[in-house]
C-alpha cells in the first residue's frame, strides 16, 4: 500500500531527507523534511553530499540511511 499525503493521494516522493539535530545524547530529525525524493538512491546521494550537518533519509517513519 502506498503512503498517503494529507490530501489522501499516494505520495509521489516517499523518501524524505531530514536535518538531524542533537537532543541531549541522541540525534533526532527536525519536524520538517529538507527535501523529498521518489527513490532511495536519489535521497541517499543528496544526503551524502551535504556538508556542515548531519542528515538522515526516512521512508514513511522508518530511518533507512545511515543504517540505524
Protein backbone atom coordinates (compact mmCIF):
# COMPACT_ATOMS: atom_id res chain seq x y z
CA UNK A 1 0.00 0.00 0.00
CA UNK A 2 1.39 3.42 -0.97
CA UNK A 3 1.99 6.14 1.60
CA UNK A 4 -0.71 8.82 1.60
CA UNK A 5 -0.17 12.55 1.70
CA UNK A 6 -2.57 14.91 3.56
CA UNK A 7 -4.88 15.12 0.52
CA UNK A 8 -5.35 11.34 0.56
CA UNK A 9 -3.48 10.68 -2.69
CA UNK A 10 -0.43 8.38 -2.93
CA UNK A 11 2.82 10.13 -2.01
CA UNK A 12 4.93 10.58 -5.17
CA UNK A 13 8.08 11.23 -3.10
CA UNK A 14 8.05 8.83 -0.12
CA UNK A 15 11.75 9.24 0.78
CA UNK A 16 12.35 12.32 2.95
CA UNK A 17 15.74 13.83 3.89
CA UNK A 18 15.78 15.37 7.37
CA UNK A 19 18.40 17.52 9.06
CA UNK A 20 19.43 15.89 12.32
CA UNK A 21 19.85 17.94 15.50
CA UNK A 22 21.38 16.95 18.80
CA UNK A 23 18.84 16.44 21.57
CA UNK A 24 20.86 15.54 24.60
CA UNK A 25 22.93 12.47 23.72
CA UNK A 26 20.92 11.37 20.67
CA UNK A 27 20.41 12.80 17.20
CA UNK A 28 16.81 13.48 16.23
CA UNK A 29 15.18 14.58 12.99
CA UNK A 30 13.71 18.05 12.78
CA UNK A 31 9.98 18.14 12.17
CA UNK A 32 10.04 19.19 8.51
CA UNK A 33 11.98 17.35 5.78
CA UNK A 34 14.65 19.28 3.88
CA UNK A 35 13.76 17.58 0.58
CA UNK A 36 11.67 14.68 -0.69
CA UNK A 37 12.66 12.14 -3.34
CA UNK A 38 10.89 9.38 -5.23
CA UNK A 39 13.76 6.88 -4.89
CA UNK A 40 16.03 5.84 -2.04
CA UNK A 41 19.14 6.18 -4.23
CA UNK A 42 18.43 9.85 -5.01
CA UNK A 43 17.74 10.63 -1.36
CA UNK A 44 20.91 8.92 -0.11
CA UNK A 45 23.01 10.62 -2.80
CA UNK A 46 21.64 14.04 -1.78
CA UNK A 47 22.09 13.44 1.97
CA UNK A 48 25.62 12.11 1.48
CA UNK A 49 26.74 15.24 -0.41
CA UNK A 50 25.60 17.75 2.23
CA UNK A 51 28.34 19.43 4.26
CA UNK A 52 28.17 21.03 7.67
CA UNK A 53 25.29 18.99 9.04
CA UNK A 54 24.03 15.54 9.80
CA UNK A 55 21.30 14.23 7.52
CA UNK A 56 19.16 11.11 7.53
CA UNK A 57 16.80 9.52 5.00
CA UNK A 58 13.40 8.26 6.14
CA UNK A 59 10.82 6.17 4.30
CA UNK A 60 7.44 6.74 5.93
CA UNK A 61 8.51 6.70 9.61
CA UNK A 62 11.46 4.32 9.30
CA UNK A 63 15.06 5.53 9.08
CA UNK A 64 16.78 3.92 6.07
CA UNK A 65 20.10 5.84 5.89
CA UNK A 66 22.50 5.89 7.59
CA UNK A 67 21.81 2.44 8.96
CA UNK A 68 20.06 2.67 12.34
